[in-house]
Amino acid sequence: MTSTRITPGLEGAPTDVDVVVIGLGITGVGVALDAVTRGLSVLAVDAHDLAFGTSRWSSKLVHGGLRYLAKLQFGVAHESAVERGILMDVTAPHLTHALSMVIPLGSVTTRRIAVLTGAGLLGGDVLRRAAGTSSSTLPRPRRISTVEALQLAPLRTAGLRGALVTWDGQLEDDARLVTNVARTAASYGAHVRTRARVLSATGTQVELRDELTGGTSTVTARTVINAAGVWAGDLVPEVTLRPSRGTHLVLRGSSIPGLRTSVFAPVPGTTGRFINVLPQPDGTIYIGLTDEPVDGDIPDVPEPSEPEIGFLLDVASAAFERPLHRSDVIGAYAGLRPLLSSGDGSGATSDLSRRHAVLTSGTGVVTIVGGKLTTYRRMAEDAVDAAVTHAGLRAEPCRTAELPLLGAAPRPRLAELEEPARLVRRFGTDARLVLDNARAVSGLGDDELLAPVAEGVPVTLAELIFGVTHEGAADVDDLLDRRTRVGLVPADRALAVPAAERAMSLAVDAGR
């Protein structure tokens, strides 16, 4: 293995490689890891930063395909269940855990809908078993009494007749997964460069501009893979996408006191449509999500609309004893799904398949679009397979299904680690590296390195320093909006800025 560091800019980057990967979201870093572990030389670039686009705007769930089963998309559902198992048991046990999900059986849920929902959960459990995921990783679904349901969540009691409980995977953080995959790719020799904008691309050549210096360069490649997500069509005009916006709200844990599990709140007047109320490891709660078509130019950072915020609050309020208000919302975020257009652009985006597609342009650029975060590994495998075949490259078979990320270890081993729980959750066995690095760079004691950077903001100076020295953070935005997720709550972000600036300064002074 070589360096595990991510580098901003193009200084020292190679100009002749087997594979150029465009885009450093979850799919792009997955492609970089897949290609480099097959023995190919790789340069992976992004105009902005790791996880700058859709990958950081998810529900932070590792879905097993239940929602696709309800739409009779059996292939997508099975693929999701298989990839969920790989992610939770092999790739990233340190970044994932089982999350219980309560579906209240109240006045909105008729007995017919309850029967259909229960049948769907049993179908999801069949998927789990078919994927080879044990019940010790994800327990079986079951029905619980009203008393049990109220012990898990402060549900509205009027008309409540118990609940259904199922299990899925939850990520510590989606952007952290992207960063972890990128570092792992770098450890195997991939060159991972942020702040490197693609000006033009063919199947064998890419023109790049260093966004830090303004300098340009030409890179020759045997194959080029476009993993730019919702911006994929900007590079390859043959690719036609129909983006859809998914919005989430962020609340303090105190807004729903006593919430010990996630809750799937049914949308009135629908069958099989729910919104998710998701408690997070940092003490916040996410509520999402919507599915709204987006027209026009693609913004760098999508903005939630007030109607979406109102919709999510209304549906969630109907599930709980205490109503939720606009004042409970301390943050909101939206992401754009890179859905492949069905042709005429008509119909709801919620009806478009979430199956991914690999397309090869007339100039030979291989584009991977569609899909979802959970299946990123399979998407990367399919993209590299197509690129290798098209270019006639000699490459080893894909090995990422058996390849743990940096910091990964079986859960019993992770439970034995003596480092602080927050660092273990976010870095696994690399928690000691994070702390040792901070000590070496800053000369500070553990009390200062591990203390929350501000009241109510659990991020530590140690992880901010690591974000600069090992994870390619080039500025405060990188640290607060992507290496950590403080930026999801604007008030907390403002409190954390001085610590982020201090981390940048300490790393620079130490020559990192």
Protein backbone atom coordinates (compact mmCIF):
# COMPACT_ATOMS: atom_id res chain seq x y z
CA MET A 1 0.00 0.00 0.00
CA THR A 2 1.05 3.62 -0.59
CA SER A 3 -0.09 6.98 0.81
CA THR A 4 -3.59 7.21 2.23
CA ARG A 5 -3.77 10.96 1.69
CA ILE A 6 -6.14 12.84 -0.62
CA THR A 7 -4.61 15.83 -2.43
CA PRO A 8 -6.29 19.09 -3.53
CA GLY A 9 -5.15 20.35 -6.93
CA LEU A 10 -3.12 18.76 -9.72
CA GLU A 11 0.46 19.38 -8.63
CA GLY A 12 2.42 16.17 -9.20
CA ALA A 13 -0.55 14.33 -10.71
CA PRO A 14 0.19 11.78 -13.46
CA THR A 15 -0.51 12.71 -17.09
CA ASP A 16 -0.78 9.17 -18.46
CA VAL A 17 -2.90 6.50 -16.73
CA ASP A 18 -5.06 3.49 -17.49
CA VAL A 19 -8.23 5.05 -16.06
CA VAL A 20 -9.42 8.60 -15.45
CA VAL A 21 -12.46 8.78 -13.17
CA ILE A 22 -14.54 11.96 -13.28
CA GLY A 23 -16.45 12.71 -10.09
CA LEU A 24 -15.66 11.97 -6.45
CA GLY A 25 -19.08 11.14 -5.09
CA ILE A 26 -19.71 7.65 -3.79
CA THR A 27 -19.85 6.13 -7.28
CA GLY A 28 -16.68 7.82 -8.48
CA VAL A 29 -14.59 6.85 -5.46
CA GLY A 30 -16.05 3.35 -5.73
CA VAL A 31 -14.90 3.19 -9.36
CA ALA A 32 -11.43 4.40 -8.36
CA LEU A 33 -11.13 1.71 -5.68
CA ASP A 34 -12.44 -1.02 -7.98
CA ALA A 35 -10.10 -0.08 -10.83
CA VAL A 36 -6.94 0.33 -8.77
CA THR A 37 -7.45 -2.99 -6.97
CA ARG A 38 -7.66 -4.69 -10.37
CA GLY A 39 -4.11 -3.53 -11.06
CA LEU A 40 -4.95 -0.46 -13.16
CA SER A 41 -3.36 2.97 -12.74
CA VAL A 42 -6.00 5.52 -11.75
CA LEU A 43 -6.44 9.29 -11.62
CA ALA A 44 -9.76 10.29 -10.02
CA VAL A 45 -10.75 13.97 -10.07
CA ASP A 46 -13.50 16.34 -9.01
CA ALA A 47 -13.99 20.03 -9.71
CA HIS A 48 -14.97 20.63 -6.08
CA ASP A 49 -14.45 18.15 -3.26
CA LEU A 50 -15.17 14.65 -2.06
CA ALA A 51 -18.92 14.08 -1.64
CA PHE A 52 -19.71 17.53 -2.96
CA GLY A 53 -22.89 16.48 -4.79
CA THR A 54 -25.73 14.04 -4.19
CA SER A 55 -23.73 11.61 -2.05
CA ARG A 56 -23.83 13.86 1.01
CA TRP A 57 -27.55 14.59 0.82
CA SER A 58 -28.96 11.10 1.48
CA SER A 59 -31.03 9.75 4.37
CA LYS A 60 -27.84 8.12 5.71
CA LEU A 61 -29.49 4.70 5.34
CA VAL A 62 -28.22 1.46 3.87
CA HIS A 63 -31.42 0.28 2.18
CA GLY A 64 -32.23 -3.37 1.71
CA GLY A 65 -34.60 -2.81 -1.20
CA LEU A 66 -37.97 -2.83 0.57
CA ARG A 67 -39.21 0.27 -1.25
CA TYR A 68 -38.28 -1.28 -4.60
CA LEU A 69 -40.00 -4.53 -3.70
CA ALA A 70 -43.21 -2.53 -3.21
CA LYS A 71 -42.82 -1.20 -6.77
CA LEU A 72 -42.22 -4.76 -8.07
CA GLN A 73 -38.64 -3.86 -9.03
CA PHE A 74 -37.39 -7.26 -7.89
CA GLY A 75 -33.96 -7.07 -9.50
CA VAL A 76 -33.18 -3.73 -7.86
CA ALA A 77 -34.55 -4.96 -4.54
CA HIS A 78 -32.37 -8.08 -4.55
CA GLU A 79 -29.28 -6.12 -5.59
CA SER A 80 -29.90 -3.63 -2.76
CA ALA A 81 -30.21 -6.42 -0.19
CA VAL A 82 -26.99 -8.07 -1.37
CA GLU A 83 -25.03 -4.82 -1.35
CA ARG A 84 -26.43 -3.85 2.06
CA GLY A 85 -25.07 -7.10 3.47
CA ILE A 86 -21.64 -6.55 1.92
CA LEU A 87 -21.49 -2.99 3.25
CA MET A 88 -22.55 -3.94 6.78
CA ASP A 89 -20.59 -7.18 7.17
CA VAL A 90 -17.46 -6.70 5.04
CA THR A 91 -16.84 -3.26 3.57
CA ALA A 92 -17.71 -0.91 6.42
CA PRO A 93 -18.93 -2.47 9.69
CA HIS A 94 -17.34 0.52 11.45
CA LEU A 95 -19.59 3.01 9.62
CA THR A 96 -22.85 1.04 9.74
CA HIS A 97 -25.22 -0.38 12.30
CA ALA A 98 -28.65 -1.95 12.45
CA LEU A 99 -31.51 0.53 12.85
CA SER A 100 -34.95 -0.48 14.07
CA MET A 101 -37.88 1.08 12.23
CA VAL A 102 -41.36 1.38 13.70
CA ILE A 103 -44.42 1.64 11.45
CA PRO A 104 -47.33 2.77 13.65
CA LEU A 105 -50.68 1.15 13.05
CA GLY A 106 -52.98 4.10 13.68
CA SER A 107 -56.02 5.75 12.21
CA VAL A 108 -54.19 6.60 8.97
CA THR A 109 -53.22 2.96 8.47
CA THR A 110 -56.30 0.94 7.56
CA ARG A 111 -56.32 -2.78 8.30
CA ARG A 112 -55.90 -3.50 4.58
CA ILE A 113 -52.82 -1.28 4.40
CA ALA A 114 -51.49 -2.88 7.59
CA VAL A 115 -51.81 -6.36 6.03
CA LEU A 116 -50.09 -5.22 2.83
CA THR A 117 -47.33 -3.50 4.78
CA GLY A 118 -46.78 -6.57 6.94
CA ALA A 119 -46.56 -8.73 3.82
CA GLY A 120 -44.02 -6.32 2.38
CA LEU A 121 -41.88 -6.58 5.50
CA LEU A 122 -41.94 -10.38 5.27
CA GLY A 123 -40.88 -10.04 1.63
CA GLY A 124 -38.04 -7.81 2.74
CA ASP A 125 -36.96 -10.46 5.23
CA VAL A 126 -36.92 -13.02 2.43
CA LEU A 127 -34.60 -10.65 0.56
CA ARG A 128 -32.36 -10.41 3.63
CA ARG A 129 -32.06 -14.18 3.90
CA ALA A 130 -31.57 -14.63 0.15
CA ALA A 131 -28.75 -12.08 0.31
CA GLY A 132 -27.03 -14.11 3.03
CA THR A 133 -27.38 -11.45 5.75
CA SER A 134 -27.82 -13.06 9.16
CA SER A 135 -30.44 -12.12 11.74
CA SER A 136 -27.59 -11.18 14.08
CA THR A 137 -26.78 -8.33 11.67
CA LEU A 138 -30.41 -7.43 10.93
CA PRO A 139 -33.16 -8.96 13.11
CA ARG A 140 -36.41 -10.26 11.67
CA PRO A 141 -39.52 -8.03 11.45
CA ARG A 142 -42.33 -8.45 13.96
CA ARG A 143 -45.53 -6.89 15.23
CA ILE A 144 -45.52 -5.23 18.66
CA SER A 145 -48.21 -4.06 21.04
CA THR A 146 -49.25 -0.48 21.67
CA VAL A 147 -47.39 -0.50 25.00
CA GLU A 148 -44.17 -1.69 23.33
CA ALA A 149 -44.56 0.85 20.55
CA LEU A 150 -44.93 3.73 23.00
CA GLN A 151 -41.77 2.62 24.80
CA LEU A 152 -39.85 3.11 21.56
CA ALA A 153 -41.39 6.35 20.34
CA PRO A 154 -43.85 9.03 21.57
CA LEU A 155 -46.47 8.08 18.99
CA ARG A 156 -49.93 9.57 18.79
CA THR A 157 -52.08 7.35 20.99
CA ALA A 158 -55.47 8.11 19.44
CA GLY A 159 -56.44 5.06 17.37
CA LEU A 160 -53.05 3.39 17.88
CA ARG A 161 -53.32 -0.41 17.77
CA GLY A 162 -49.68 -1.41 17.92
CA ALA A 163 -46.93 -1.20 15.34
CA LEU A 164 -44.78 -3.17 12.94
CA VAL A 165 -41.03 -3.26 13.52
CA THR A 166 -38.43 -3.97 10.89
CA TRP A 167 -34.69 -3.35 10.56
CA ASP A 168 -32.41 -1.75 8.01
CA GLY A 169 -28.88 -0.38 7.97
CA GLN A 170 -27.87 3.12 9.01
CA LEU A 171 -24.68 4.95 8.12
CA GLU A 172 -22.73 7.02 10.58
CA ASP A 173 -22.53 9.54 7.73
CA ASP A 174 -22.74 9.31 3.95
CA ALA A 175 -19.92 11.79 3.29
CA ARG A 176 -17.73 9.87 5.73
CA LEU A 177 -18.29 6.72 3.67
CA VAL A 178 -17.22 8.59 0.52
CA THR A 179 -14.08 9.87 2.24
CA ASN A 180 -13.28 6.41 3.60
CA VAL A 181 -13.59 4.79 0.16
CA ALA A 182 -11.42 7.56 -1.34
CA ARG A 183 -8.68 7.06 1.25
CA THR A 184 -8.80 3.32 0.69
CA ALA A 185 -8.41 3.83 -3.06
CA ALA A 186 -5.45 6.12 -2.39
CA SER A 187 -3.89 3.49 -0.12
CA TYR A 188 -3.82 1.09 -3.08
CA GLY A 189 -2.17 3.67 -5.32
CA ALA A 190 -4.99 5.66 -6.90
CA HIS A 191 -4.31 9.39 -7.36
CA VAL A 192 -7.37 11.13 -5.85
CA ARG A 193 -7.44 14.86 -6.62
CA THR A 194 -10.04 17.42 -5.61
CA ARG A 195 -10.22 20.95 -7.07
CA ALA A 196 -9.48 19.50 -10.53
CA ARG A 197 -12.11 20.52 -13.07
CA VAL A 198 -12.67 18.60 -16.31
CA LEU A 199 -12.86 21.01 -19.24
CA SER A 200 -13.39 18.34 -21.90
CA ALA A 201 -13.23 14.58 -22.16
CA THR A 202 -13.10 11.80 -24.73
CA GLY A 203 -12.61 8.12 -24.15
CA THR A 204 -8.81 8.52 -24.23
CA GLN A 205 -8.04 12.10 -23.17
CA VAL A 206 -9.13 14.60 -20.52
CA GLU A 207 -8.39 18.32 -20.29
CA LEU A 208 -8.13 19.48 -16.68
CA ARG A 209 -7.86 22.78 -14.85
CA ASP A 210 -6.37 23.08 -11.39
CA GLU A 211 -8.91 25.19 -9.50
CA LEU A 212 -6.28 26.24 -6.96
CA THR A 213 -3.67 27.54 -9.42
CA GLY A 214 -5.62 28.01 -12.65
CA GLY A 215 -3.12 25.87 -14.54
CA THR A 216 -4.33 23.40 -17.18
CA SER A 217 -3.06 19.97 -18.21
CA THR A 218 -3.88 17.12 -20.56
CA VAL A 219 -4.14 13.57 -19.29
CA THR A 220 -3.97 10.60 -21.63
CA ALA A 221 -5.86 7.46 -20.60
CA ARG A 222 -6.76 4.06 -21.94
CA THR A 223 -10.33 4.65 -20.72
CA VAL A 224 -12.37 7.44 -19.10
CA ILE A 225 -15.27 6.81 -16.72
CA ASN A 226 -17.83 9.55 -16.14
CA ALA A 227 -19.27 9.29 -12.61
CA ALA A 228 -20.32 12.93 -12.32
CA GLY A 229 -23.85 12.16 -11.11
CA VAL A 230 -26.41 14.82 -11.97
CA TRP A 231 -23.73 16.65 -13.98
CA ALA A 232 -22.92 13.60 -16.14
CA GLY A 233 -24.83 15.03 -19.11
CA ASP A 234 -22.67 18.17 -19.11
CA LEU A 235 -19.70 16.01 -20.11
CA VAL A 236 -21.50 13.56 -22.39
CA PRO A 237 -24.45 15.15 -24.25
CA GLU A 238 -25.83 11.71 -25.23
CA VAL A 239 -26.73 11.12 -21.57
CA THR A 240 -30.20 12.47 -20.73
CA LEU A 241 -31.08 12.68 -17.05
CA ARG A 242 -34.27 13.65 -15.27
CA PRO A 243 -33.16 14.75 -11.80
CA SER A 244 -35.48 14.59 -8.84
CA ARG A 245 -35.07 16.48 -5.56
CA GLY A 246 -35.20 14.73 -2.21
CA THR A 247 -35.50 17.04 0.79
CA HIS A 248 -34.76 16.33 4.46
CA LEU A 249 -35.31 18.38 7.62
CA VAL A 250 -32.95 18.49 10.60
CA LEU A 251 -34.37 18.80 14.14
CA ARG A 252 -32.91 18.69 17.63
CA GLY A 253 -33.54 15.47 19.52
CA SER A 254 -35.56 17.48 22.03
CA SER A 255 -38.23 18.12 19.39
CA ILE A 256 -39.35 14.49 19.69
CA PRO A 257 -38.47 13.55 23.29
CA GLY A 258 -38.30 9.84 24.00
CA LEU A 259 -37.60 8.81 20.40
CA ARG A 260 -35.50 5.63 20.62
CA THR A 261 -36.01 4.29 17.11
CA SER A 262 -36.72 5.50 13.61
CA VAL A 263 -40.36 5.87 12.65
CA PHE A 264 -41.89 5.35 9.22
CA ALA A 265 -44.84 7.72 9.16
CA PRO A 266 -47.48 6.81 6.55
CA VAL A 267 -48.50 9.50 4.08
CA PRO A 268 -52.30 9.90 4.32
CA GLY A 269 -54.22 8.84 1.24
CA THR A 270 -51.43 6.64 -0.15
CA THR A 271 -50.58 2.95 -0.04
CA GLY A 272 -47.00 2.07 0.78
CA ARG A 273 -45.64 5.62 0.91
CA PHE A 274 -43.92 6.76 4.09
CA ILE A 275 -41.59 9.46 5.34
CA ASN A 276 -38.71 8.57 7.61
CA VAL A 277 -38.06 10.08 11.04
CA LEU A 278 -34.46 9.13 11.73
CA PRO A 279 -32.54 9.75 14.97
CA GLN A 280 -28.84 10.38 14.32
CA PRO A 281 -25.74 9.45 16.34
CA ASP A 282 -25.00 13.15 17.00
CA GLY A 283 -28.34 13.74 18.73
CA THR A 284 -30.21 15.32 15.83
CA ILE A 285 -33.19 13.91 13.92
CA TYR A 286 -33.64 13.82 10.14
CA ILE A 287 -37.09 13.79 8.53
CA GLY A 288 -37.37 12.92 4.86
CA LEU A 289 -37.83 12.64 2.07
CA THR A 290 -39.58 14.09 -0.93
CA ASP A 291 -39.43 13.26 -4.64
CA GLU A 292 -39.87 16.38 -6.77
CA PRO A 293 -38.88 16.73 -10.45
CA VAL A 294 -36.25 19.38 -11.18
CA ASP A 295 -36.01 21.32 -14.42
CA GLY A 296 -33.38 23.72 -15.71
CA ASP A 297 -29.75 24.14 -14.74
CA ILE A 298 -28.34 21.95 -11.98
CA PRO A 299 -27.29 24.02 -8.94
CA ASP A 300 -24.11 23.21 -7.03
CA VAL A 301 -26.11 23.08 -3.79
CA PRO A 302 -29.87 22.36 -4.17
CA GLU A 303 -32.26 24.20 -1.89
CA PRO A 304 -35.34 22.68 -0.20
CA SER A 305 -38.63 24.40 -0.98
CA GLU A 306 -41.03 25.63 1.69
CA PRO A 307 -43.88 23.40 0.38
CA GLU A 308 -41.62 20.37 0.85
CA ILE A 309 -40.72 21.46 4.37
CA GLY A 310 -44.40 21.93 5.20
CA PHE A 311 -45.32 18.53 3.75
CA LEU A 312 -42.69 16.71 5.79
CA LEU A 313 -43.69 18.47 9.00
CA ASP A 314 -47.37 17.73 8.46
CA VAL A 315 -46.89 14.03 7.81
CA ALA A 316 -44.47 13.58 10.70
CA SER A 317 -46.71 15.52 13.09
CA ALA A 318 -49.58 13.15 12.38
CA ALA A 319 -47.52 10.27 13.78
CA PHE A 320 -46.54 11.82 17.12
CA GLU A 321 -48.32 13.03 20.23
CA ARG A 322 -46.49 16.35 20.12
CA PRO A 323 -47.05 18.32 16.90
CA LEU A 324 -44.00 19.61 15.06
CA HIS A 325 -43.69 23.24 13.98
CA ARG A 326 -41.58 25.22 11.56
CA SER A 327 -39.60 26.53 14.52
CA ASP A 328 -38.43 22.96 15.26
CA VAL A 329 -36.50 22.91 11.98
CA ILE A 330 -32.87 23.87 12.66
CA GLY A 331 -31.63 22.88 9.21
CA ALA A 332 -32.77 21.43 5.91
CA TYR A 333 -30.99 19.92 2.94
CA ALA A 334 -31.84 18.61 -0.51
CA GLY A 335 -30.13 16.30 -2.95
CA LEU A 336 -30.72 15.57 -6.62
CA ARG A 337 -31.09 11.98 -7.78
CA PRO A 338 -29.36 11.36 -11.15
CA LEU A 339 -32.24 9.38 -12.68
CA LEU A 340 -31.98 8.24 -16.27
CA SER A 341 -34.83 9.70 -18.33
CA SER A 342 -37.44 7.22 -19.53
CA GLY A 343 -37.60 8.98 -22.90
CA ASP A 344 -40.34 11.59 -23.23
CA GLY A 345 -39.80 13.14 -19.78
CA SER A 346 -43.41 12.66 -18.76
CA GLY A 347 -44.71 11.11 -15.56
CA ALA A 348 -43.56 11.41 -11.97
CA THR A 349 -39.89 11.01 -11.11
CA SER A 350 -40.96 8.64 -8.34
CA ASP A 351 -42.00 6.21 -11.11
CA LEU A 352 -38.53 6.15 -12.71
CA SER A 353 -36.47 3.06 -12.00
CA ARG A 354 -33.59 3.36 -9.52
CA ARG A 355 -31.64 0.77 -11.48
CA HIS A 356 -28.28 2.06 -12.63
CA ALA A 357 -27.14 2.11 -16.23
CA VAL A 358 -23.74 2.03 -17.93
CA LEU A 359 -23.57 3.92 -21.23
CA THR A 360 -20.68 4.31 -23.69
CA SER A 361 -20.54 7.50 -25.76
CA GLY A 362 -19.47 7.86 -29.37
CA THR A 363 -16.02 9.04 -28.23
CA GLY A 364 -15.68 6.12 -25.83
CA VAL A 365 -16.47 7.78 -22.48
CA VAL A 366 -18.12 5.22 -20.16
CA THR A 367 -20.86 6.85 -18.06
CA ILE A 368 -22.45 5.34 -14.95
CA VAL A 369 -25.76 6.91 -13.83
CA GLY A 370 -28.83 6.09 -11.75
CA GLY A 371 -28.62 3.74 -8.82
CA LYS A 372 -28.30 4.72 -5.18
CA LEU A 373 -25.76 4.97 -2.41
CA THR A 374 -26.28 1.44 -1.10
CA THR A 375 -25.38 -0.15 -4.44
CA TYR A 376 -22.36 2.01 -5.23
CA ARG A 377 -19.97 -0.96 -5.14
CA ARG A 378 -21.95 -2.92 -7.74
CA MET A 379 -22.32 0.20 -9.87
CA ALA A 380 -18.55 0.69 -9.80
CA GLU A 381 -17.95 -2.94 -10.70
CA ASP A 382 -20.27 -2.73 -13.71
CA ALA A 383 -18.71 0.53 -14.88
CA VAL A 384 -15.15 -0.81 -14.68
CA ASP A 385 -16.19 -4.05 -16.39
CA ALA A 386 -17.64 -2.03 -19.29
CA ALA A 387 -14.61 0.27 -19.51
CA VAL A 388 -12.10 -2.59 -19.44
CA THR A 389 -14.01 -4.46 -22.15
CA HIS A 390 -14.42 -1.39 -24.37
CA ALA A 391 -10.75 -0.39 -24.08
CA GLY A 392 -9.42 -3.93 -24.35
CA LEU A 393 -7.49 -3.57 -21.09
CA ARG A 394 -6.00 -6.45 -19.17
CA ALA A 395 -7.24 -6.30 -15.61
CA GLU A 396 -7.73 -8.61 -12.66
CA PRO A 397 -11.26 -9.59 -11.56
CA CYS A 398 -13.21 -7.29 -9.25
CA ARG A 399 -12.34 -7.88 -5.60
CA THR A 400 -14.26 -5.16 -3.75
CA ALA A 401 -16.97 -7.53 -2.44
CA GLU A 402 -14.31 -9.02 -0.13
CA LEU A 403 -12.29 -5.85 0.48
CA PRO A 404 -12.71 -4.03 3.83
CA LEU A 405 -12.23 -0.26 3.82
CA LEU A 406 -9.55 1.38 5.93
CA GLY A 407 -10.59 1.18 9.57
CA ALA A 408 -13.04 -1.67 9.02
CA ALA A 409 -13.12 -4.60 11.44
CA PRO A 410 -15.69 -7.07 12.80
CA ARG A 411 -18.01 -5.42 15.32
CA PRO A 412 -16.68 -7.39 18.32
CA ARG A 413 -13.20 -6.08 17.53
CA LEU A 414 -14.49 -2.52 17.18
CA ALA A 415 -16.21 -2.84 20.57
CA GLU A 416 -12.84 -3.65 22.18
CA LEU A 417 -11.12 -0.47 20.97
CA GLU A 418 -10.14 1.92 23.75
CA GLU A 419 -10.29 5.13 21.72
CA PRO A 420 -13.24 7.55 22.19
CA ALA A 421 -16.54 6.18 20.91
CA ARG A 422 -17.08 9.04 18.46
CA LEU A 423 -13.74 8.42 16.76
CA VAL A 424 -14.38 4.67 16.61
CA ARG A 425 -17.81 5.24 15.02
CA ARG A 426 -16.32 7.49 12.36
CA PHE A 427 -12.89 5.95 11.77
CA GLY A 428 -12.99 2.40 13.13
CA THR A 429 -9.54 0.99 13.83
CA ASP A 430 -8.05 4.20 12.39
CA ALA A 431 -9.28 6.06 15.49
CA ARG A 432 -5.81 5.72 17.05
CA LEU A 433 -4.23 7.10 13.84
CA VAL A 434 -6.55 10.11 14.00
CA LEU A 435 -5.59 10.86 17.60
CA ASP A 436 -1.87 10.18 17.18
CA ASN A 437 -1.81 12.40 14.10
CA ALA A 438 -3.50 15.25 15.99
CA ARG A 439 -1.02 14.96 18.84
CA ALA A 440 1.94 15.06 16.45
CA VAL A 441 0.61 17.97 14.42
CA SER A 442 -0.62 20.17 17.28
CA GLY A 443 1.43 19.25 20.34
CA LEU A 444 -1.82 19.53 22.32
CA GLY A 445 -3.13 17.20 25.00
CA ASP A 446 -6.02 14.80 24.60
CA ASP A 447 -8.37 16.93 26.71
CA GLU A 448 -8.19 19.70 24.15
CA LEU A 449 -8.08 17.47 21.07
CA LEU A 450 -11.11 15.40 22.07
CA ALA A 451 -13.36 18.04 23.61
CA PRO A 452 -16.41 19.18 21.60
CA VAL A 453 -15.39 22.23 19.58
CA ALA A 454 -18.38 24.17 20.95
CA GLU A 455 -21.29 23.59 23.29
CA GLY A 456 -23.71 21.18 21.65
CA VAL A 457 -21.34 20.51 18.73
CA PRO A 458 -19.72 17.06 19.25
CA VAL A 459 -17.06 17.42 16.52
CA THR A 460 -13.50 17.31 17.87
CA LEU A 461 -10.34 19.17 16.92
CA ALA A 462 -8.58 15.83 16.37
CA GLU A 463 -10.87 14.84 13.51
CA LEU A 464 -10.73 18.32 11.98
CA ILE A 465 -6.93 18.14 11.89
CA PHE A 466 -7.11 14.68 10.29
CA GLY A 467 -9.48 16.10 7.69
CA VAL A 468 -6.70 18.43 6.56
CA THR A 469 -3.68 16.16 6.89
CA HIS A 470 -5.12 12.92 5.46
CA GLU A 471 -8.49 13.65 3.83
CA GLY A 472 -7.66 16.52 1.50
CA ALA A 473 -9.71 19.27 3.13
CA ALA A 474 -8.60 22.49 1.47
CA ASP A 475 -10.68 24.98 3.46
CA VAL A 476 -13.19 25.43 6.26
CA ASP A 477 -16.10 24.50 4.00
CA ASP A 478 -14.54 21.11 3.29
CA LEU A 479 -14.14 20.47 7.01
CA LEU A 480 -17.55 21.59 8.22
CA ASP A 481 -19.76 20.63 5.28
CA ARG A 482 -18.22 17.34 4.16
CA ARG A 483 -15.53 15.86 6.47
CA THR A 484 -17.95 16.53 9.29
CA ARG A 485 -21.61 17.51 8.88
CA VAL A 486 -21.75 20.48 11.20
CA GLY A 487 -22.90 22.57 8.24
CA LEU A 488 -26.31 20.85 8.21
CA VAL A 489 -27.20 23.11 11.16
CA PRO A 490 -26.22 26.71 10.33
CA ALA A 491 -26.17 27.81 13.98
CA ASP A 492 -23.77 24.99 14.90
CA ARG A 493 -21.65 25.71 11.86
CA ALA A 494 -21.07 29.28 13.00
CA LEU A 495 -19.90 28.01 16.39
CA ALA A 496 -17.48 25.53 14.80
CA VAL A 497 -15.77 27.90 12.36
CA PRO A 498 -13.02 29.00 14.81
CA ALA A 499 -12.06 25.36 15.49
CA ALA A 500 -11.98 24.58 11.77
CA GLU A 501 -9.76 27.60 11.13
CA ARG A 502 -7.49 26.51 13.97
CA ALA A 503 -7.20 23.00 12.51
CA MET A 504 -6.25 24.43 9.12
CA SER A 505 -3.64 26.65 10.72
CA LEU A 506 -2.13 23.86 12.84
CA ALA A 507 -1.83 21.56 9.83
CA VAL A 508 -0.23 24.28 7.68
CA ASP A 509 2.24 25.20 10.43
CA ALA A 510 3.20 21.54 10.75
CA GLY A 511 3.90 21.36 7.03
CA ARG A 512 1.07 18.95 6.30
